[in-house]
């Protein structure tokens, strides 16, 4: 029997992860979403901020 993984959410800007934190509920990410949305509102560059389910390959963080 397969183990079901819990959904993890992250904040992305044009599908590029901007949050270092991972959130267990979409509502937990609202504060960080609001922060990034204000930045885009103050300095518009046409990007879109959203909260999405984490994709382990697409939204990983590289430790340099």
N, C-alpha and C. Protein backbone atom coordinates (compact mmCIF):
# COMPACT_ATOMS: atom_id res chain seq x y z
N UNK A 1 0.85 -1.18 0.00
CA UNK A 1 0.00 0.00 0.00
C UNK A 1 0.89 1.25 0.00
N UNK A 2 0.58 2.18 -0.86
CA UNK A 2 1.37 3.41 -0.98
C UNK A 2 1.01 4.38 0.14
N UNK A 3 2.03 5.10 0.59
CA UNK A 3 1.83 6.11 1.62
C UNK A 3 1.48 7.42 0.92
N UNK A 4 0.39 8.03 1.35
CA UNK A 4 -0.03 9.29 0.75
C UNK A 4 0.77 10.44 1.35
N UNK A 5 1.38 11.25 0.47
CA UNK A 5 2.14 12.40 0.94
C UNK A 5 1.20 13.56 1.22
N UNK A 6 1.53 14.32 2.22
CA UNK A 6 0.78 15.54 2.52
C UNK A 6 1.14 16.59 1.48
N UNK A 7 0.15 17.39 1.11
CA UNK A 7 0.41 18.49 0.18
C UNK A 7 1.20 19.57 0.89
N UNK A 8 2.18 20.12 0.19
CA UNK A 8 3.00 21.22 0.69
C UNK A 8 2.86 22.35 -0.31
N UNK A 9 2.72 23.58 0.21
CA UNK A 9 2.50 24.74 -0.64
C UNK A 9 3.67 25.70 -0.56
N UNK A 10 3.94 26.38 -1.67
CA UNK A 10 5.00 27.39 -1.73
C UNK A 10 4.48 28.59 -2.51
N UNK A 11 5.14 29.73 -2.33
CA UNK A 11 4.80 30.95 -3.06
C UNK A 11 5.72 31.04 -4.27
N UNK A 12 5.13 31.28 -5.43
CA UNK A 12 5.91 31.39 -6.66
C UNK A 12 5.61 32.70 -7.37
N UNK A 13 6.60 33.13 -8.15
CA UNK A 13 6.47 34.34 -8.96
C UNK A 13 6.76 33.91 -10.39
N UNK A 14 5.73 33.92 -11.22
CA UNK A 14 5.83 33.38 -12.59
C UNK A 14 6.40 31.97 -12.58
N UNK A 15 5.86 31.15 -11.68
CA UNK A 15 6.19 29.74 -11.52
C UNK A 15 7.64 29.49 -11.10
N UNK A 16 8.30 30.52 -10.58
CA UNK A 16 9.64 30.37 -10.00
C UNK A 16 9.50 30.59 -8.50
N UNK A 17 9.93 29.63 -7.73
CA UNK A 17 9.75 29.67 -6.28
C UNK A 17 10.49 30.86 -5.67
N UNK A 18 9.77 31.62 -4.84
CA UNK A 18 10.37 32.75 -4.13
C UNK A 18 10.38 32.52 -2.62
N UNK A 19 9.59 31.58 -2.13
CA UNK A 19 9.55 31.33 -0.69
C UNK A 19 10.55 30.25 -0.31
N UNK A 20 11.25 30.48 0.79
CA UNK A 20 12.13 29.45 1.32
C UNK A 20 11.36 28.49 2.20
N UNK A 21 10.26 28.98 2.77
CA UNK A 21 9.43 28.15 3.64
C UNK A 21 8.49 27.28 2.82
N UNK A 22 8.10 26.18 3.43
CA UNK A 22 7.08 25.31 2.86
C UNK A 22 5.92 25.30 3.84
N UNK A 23 4.72 25.41 3.32
CA UNK A 23 3.53 25.53 4.16
C UNK A 23 2.65 24.29 4.01
N UNK A 24 2.13 23.82 5.14
CA UNK A 24 1.28 22.63 5.10
C UNK A 24 -0.14 22.95 4.67
N UNK A 25 -0.54 24.22 4.79
CA UNK A 25 -1.87 24.66 4.36
C UNK A 25 -1.73 25.91 3.50
N UNK A 26 -2.56 26.01 2.51
CA UNK A 26 -2.53 27.17 1.61
C UNK A 26 -2.72 28.47 2.40
N UNK A 27 -3.58 28.46 3.40
CA UNK A 27 -3.85 29.67 4.19
C UNK A 27 -2.63 30.15 4.98
N UNK A 28 -1.74 29.24 5.32
CA UNK A 28 -0.53 29.61 6.06
C UNK A 28 0.42 30.47 5.22
N UNK A 29 0.33 30.36 3.91
CA UNK A 29 1.22 31.08 3.01
C UNK A 29 0.71 32.48 2.65
N UNK A 30 -0.44 32.87 3.16
CA UNK A 30 -1.05 34.15 2.79
C UNK A 30 -0.15 35.34 3.14
N UNK A 31 0.48 35.35 4.31
CA UNK A 31 1.33 36.48 4.69
C UNK A 31 2.48 36.68 3.71
N UNK A 32 3.13 35.60 3.32
CA UNK A 32 4.23 35.71 2.37
C UNK A 32 3.70 36.10 0.98
N UNK A 33 2.55 35.56 0.61
CA UNK A 33 1.92 35.93 -0.67
C UNK A 33 1.64 37.43 -0.69
N UNK A 34 1.07 37.95 0.39
CA UNK A 34 0.77 39.39 0.48
C UNK A 34 2.02 40.24 0.35
N UNK A 35 3.11 39.79 0.97
CA UNK A 35 4.39 40.52 0.88
C UNK A 35 4.83 40.62 -0.59
N UNK A 36 4.85 39.50 -1.29
CA UNK A 36 5.30 39.50 -2.69
C UNK A 36 4.33 40.24 -3.59
N UNK A 37 3.05 40.13 -3.30
CA UNK A 37 2.05 40.83 -4.11
C UNK A 37 2.22 42.35 -3.97
N UNK A 38 2.53 42.83 -2.76
CA UNK A 38 2.76 44.26 -2.55
C UNK A 38 3.99 44.71 -3.33
N UNK A 39 5.03 43.91 -3.34
CA UNK A 39 6.23 44.24 -4.11
C UNK A 39 5.91 44.40 -5.59
N UNK A 40 5.15 43.46 -6.14
CA UNK A 40 4.80 43.52 -7.56
C UNK A 40 3.86 44.69 -7.84
N UNK A 41 3.01 45.02 -6.87
CA UNK A 41 2.11 46.17 -7.04
C UNK A 41 2.89 47.48 -7.02
N UNK A 42 3.86 47.59 -6.10
CA UNK A 42 4.67 48.80 -5.99
C UNK A 42 5.63 48.98 -7.17
N UNK A 43 6.18 47.88 -7.66
CA UNK A 43 7.11 47.91 -8.80
C UNK A 43 6.64 46.91 -9.85
N UNK A 44 5.62 47.29 -10.62
CA UNK A 44 5.04 46.34 -11.59
C UNK A 44 6.04 45.92 -12.68
N UNK A 45 6.11 44.63 -12.86
CA UNK A 45 6.97 44.10 -13.93
C UNK A 45 6.25 43.02 -14.74
N UNK A 46 4.96 42.90 -14.50
CA UNK A 46 4.15 41.95 -15.27
C UNK A 46 4.16 40.54 -14.74
N UNK A 47 4.83 40.28 -13.60
CA UNK A 47 4.86 38.93 -13.06
C UNK A 47 3.61 38.65 -12.24
N UNK A 48 3.32 37.37 -12.07
CA UNK A 48 2.15 36.94 -11.33
C UNK A 48 2.60 36.14 -10.10
N UNK A 49 2.05 36.50 -8.95
CA UNK A 49 2.35 35.81 -7.70
C UNK A 49 1.22 34.82 -7.43
N UNK A 50 1.57 33.61 -6.99
CA UNK A 50 0.54 32.64 -6.65
C UNK A 50 1.07 31.65 -5.62
N UNK A 51 0.14 30.96 -5.00
CA UNK A 51 0.45 29.90 -4.04
C UNK A 51 0.11 28.59 -4.74
N UNK A 52 1.08 27.70 -4.83
CA UNK A 52 0.87 26.45 -5.55
C UNK A 52 1.35 25.26 -4.72
N UNK A 53 0.89 24.08 -5.10
CA UNK A 53 1.42 22.86 -4.49
C UNK A 53 2.85 22.70 -4.95
N UNK A 54 3.71 22.32 -4.03
CA UNK A 54 5.12 22.17 -4.34
C UNK A 54 5.33 20.96 -5.26
N UNK A 55 6.08 21.20 -6.32
CA UNK A 55 6.54 20.15 -7.21
C UNK A 55 8.01 19.93 -6.86
N UNK A 56 8.37 18.74 -6.41
CA UNK A 56 9.73 18.51 -5.89
C UNK A 56 10.83 18.78 -6.91
N UNK A 57 10.54 18.65 -8.18
CA UNK A 57 11.57 18.93 -9.20
C UNK A 57 11.54 20.39 -9.63
N UNK A 58 10.36 20.95 -9.76
CA UNK A 58 10.22 22.31 -10.27
C UNK A 58 10.51 23.37 -9.21
N UNK A 59 10.16 23.13 -7.96
CA UNK A 59 10.25 24.14 -6.90
C UNK A 59 11.29 23.82 -5.86
N UNK A 60 12.38 23.20 -6.24
CA UNK A 60 13.42 22.88 -5.26
C UNK A 60 14.34 24.09 -5.05
N UNK A 61 15.03 24.06 -3.91
CA UNK A 61 15.97 25.12 -3.57
C UNK A 61 17.37 24.52 -3.66
N UNK A 62 18.25 25.25 -4.31
CA UNK A 62 19.63 24.81 -4.44
C UNK A 62 20.47 25.48 -3.36
N UNK A 63 21.18 24.70 -2.58
CA UNK A 63 22.09 25.22 -1.56
C UNK A 63 23.45 25.40 -2.20
N UNK A 64 23.85 26.63 -2.38
CA UNK A 64 25.14 26.90 -3.00
C UNK A 64 26.20 27.18 -1.96
